[in-house]
């Protein structure tokens, strides 16, 4: 799926997130598929859903 490829690019290349980093994602419900794809790519190991 295209969104999975974009999530991989975001997580692995663009953000450069390292272990121990804190990441906050602020998005509307329309972005839910993209946010979930980022989680699947391993962006966040422990998640807390707010709101």
N, C-alpha and C. Protein backbone atom coordinates (compact mmCIF):
# COMPACT_ATOMS: atom_id res chain seq x y z
N UNK A 1 0.84 -1.18 0.00
CA UNK A 1 0.00 0.00 0.00
C UNK A 1 0.88 1.24 0.00
N UNK A 2 0.49 2.26 -0.70
CA UNK A 2 1.30 3.46 -0.83
C UNK A 2 1.56 4.13 0.51
N UNK A 3 0.57 4.16 1.38
CA UNK A 3 0.73 4.84 2.66
C UNK A 3 1.80 4.17 3.52
N UNK A 4 1.95 2.86 3.39
CA UNK A 4 3.00 2.15 4.13
C UNK A 4 4.38 2.57 3.64
N UNK A 5 4.53 2.74 2.35
CA UNK A 5 5.80 3.20 1.79
C UNK A 5 6.16 4.60 2.26
N UNK A 6 5.17 5.46 2.30
CA UNK A 6 5.40 6.83 2.77
C UNK A 6 5.75 6.84 4.26
N UNK A 7 5.10 5.99 5.03
CA UNK A 7 5.39 5.90 6.46
C UNK A 7 6.83 5.42 6.68
N UNK A 8 7.25 4.45 5.90
CA UNK A 8 8.62 3.94 6.01
C UNK A 8 9.63 5.05 5.69
N UNK A 9 9.37 5.81 4.64
CA UNK A 9 10.23 6.94 4.28
C UNK A 9 10.29 7.96 5.41
N UNK A 10 9.16 8.27 5.98
CA UNK A 10 9.09 9.24 7.07
C UNK A 10 9.87 8.76 8.29
N UNK A 11 9.65 7.53 8.69
CA UNK A 11 10.26 6.99 9.90
C UNK A 11 11.76 6.76 9.72
N UNK A 12 12.14 6.12 8.63
CA UNK A 12 13.54 5.72 8.46
C UNK A 12 14.43 6.83 7.96
N UNK A 13 13.91 7.74 7.15
CA UNK A 13 14.76 8.75 6.53
C UNK A 13 14.54 10.15 7.06
N UNK A 14 13.32 10.60 7.05
CA UNK A 14 13.04 12.01 7.34
C UNK A 14 13.19 12.38 8.81
N UNK A 15 12.70 11.54 9.72
CA UNK A 15 12.69 11.92 11.13
C UNK A 15 13.97 11.55 11.87
N UNK A 16 14.54 10.44 11.55
CA UNK A 16 15.74 10.00 12.25
C UNK A 16 15.50 9.76 13.73
N UNK A 17 14.35 9.18 14.06
CA UNK A 17 13.99 8.92 15.45
C UNK A 17 14.89 7.82 16.00
N UNK A 18 15.43 8.08 17.19
CA UNK A 18 16.29 7.11 17.85
C UNK A 18 15.62 6.59 19.11
N UNK A 19 16.12 5.46 19.63
CA UNK A 19 15.59 4.89 20.85
C UNK A 19 15.69 5.92 21.98
N UNK A 20 14.62 6.07 22.72
CA UNK A 20 14.58 7.01 23.82
C UNK A 20 13.99 8.37 23.46
N UNK A 21 13.84 8.64 22.16
CA UNK A 21 13.23 9.89 21.74
C UNK A 21 11.74 9.89 22.06
N UNK A 22 11.22 11.06 22.34
CA UNK A 22 9.78 11.23 22.56
C UNK A 22 9.21 11.86 21.30
N UNK A 23 8.17 11.24 20.77
CA UNK A 23 7.54 11.72 19.53
C UNK A 23 6.08 12.01 19.83
N UNK A 24 5.65 13.19 19.45
CA UNK A 24 4.24 13.56 19.61
C UNK A 24 3.66 13.76 18.21
N UNK A 25 2.56 13.09 17.96
CA UNK A 25 1.87 13.22 16.68
C UNK A 25 0.54 13.91 16.94
N UNK A 26 0.34 15.01 16.27
CA UNK A 26 -0.92 15.73 16.37
C UNK A 26 -1.57 15.67 14.99
N UNK A 27 -2.73 15.06 14.92
CA UNK A 27 -3.36 14.86 13.62
C UNK A 27 -4.88 14.79 13.79
N UNK A 28 -5.56 15.02 12.69
CA UNK A 28 -7.02 14.87 12.68
C UNK A 28 -7.35 13.41 12.43
N UNK A 29 -8.61 13.07 12.55
CA UNK A 29 -9.03 11.69 12.31
C UNK A 29 -8.81 11.28 10.85
N UNK A 30 -8.73 12.24 9.95
CA UNK A 30 -8.47 11.92 8.54
C UNK A 30 -7.08 11.32 8.36
N UNK A 31 -6.16 11.64 9.25
CA UNK A 31 -4.78 11.14 9.15
C UNK A 31 -4.57 9.81 9.87
N UNK A 32 -5.63 9.26 10.43
CA UNK A 32 -5.50 8.03 11.21
C UNK A 32 -4.79 6.89 10.45
N UNK A 33 -5.10 6.65 9.17
CA UNK A 33 -4.37 5.60 8.46
C UNK A 33 -2.86 5.87 8.37
N UNK A 34 -2.48 7.11 8.18
CA UNK A 34 -1.06 7.46 8.11
C UNK A 34 -0.38 7.29 9.46
N UNK A 35 -1.05 7.68 10.51
CA UNK A 35 -0.49 7.54 11.86
C UNK A 35 -0.32 6.06 12.19
N UNK A 36 -1.30 5.25 11.88
CA UNK A 36 -1.20 3.81 12.14
C UNK A 36 -0.06 3.18 11.34
N UNK A 37 0.12 3.63 10.11
CA UNK A 37 1.22 3.11 9.29
C UNK A 37 2.56 3.44 9.92
N UNK A 38 2.70 4.62 10.49
CA UNK A 38 3.94 5.00 11.17
C UNK A 38 4.17 4.11 12.38
N UNK A 39 3.12 3.80 13.13
CA UNK A 39 3.26 2.88 14.26
C UNK A 39 3.75 1.52 13.79
N UNK A 40 3.19 1.05 12.69
CA UNK A 40 3.60 -0.26 12.15
C UNK A 40 5.07 -0.26 11.73
N UNK A 41 5.58 0.87 11.32
CA UNK A 41 6.99 0.97 10.92
C UNK A 41 7.92 1.03 12.12
N UNK A 42 7.35 1.02 13.31
CA UNK A 42 8.20 0.99 14.49
C UNK A 42 8.57 2.36 15.01
N UNK A 43 7.82 3.37 14.61
CA UNK A 43 8.12 4.72 15.07
C UNK A 43 8.04 4.82 16.58
N UNK A 44 7.03 4.20 17.14
CA UNK A 44 6.83 4.31 18.58
C UNK A 44 6.61 2.91 19.15
N UNK A 45 7.43 2.53 20.13
CA UNK A 45 7.31 1.21 20.72
C UNK A 45 6.27 1.20 21.84
N UNK A 46 6.22 2.26 22.63
CA UNK A 46 5.22 2.39 23.69
C UNK A 46 4.36 3.59 23.33
N UNK A 47 3.06 3.40 23.23
CA UNK A 47 2.19 4.48 22.80
C UNK A 47 1.19 4.84 23.89
N UNK A 48 0.84 6.09 23.88
CA UNK A 48 -0.20 6.62 24.75
C UNK A 48 -1.11 7.45 23.87
N UNK A 49 -2.37 7.08 23.81
CA UNK A 49 -3.32 7.83 23.00
C UNK A 49 -3.94 8.91 23.87
N UNK A 50 -3.88 10.14 23.39
CA UNK A 50 -4.43 11.28 24.13
C UNK A 50 -5.58 11.85 23.33
N UNK A 51 -6.65 12.17 24.01
CA UNK A 51 -7.77 12.82 23.36
C UNK A 51 -8.66 11.84 22.73
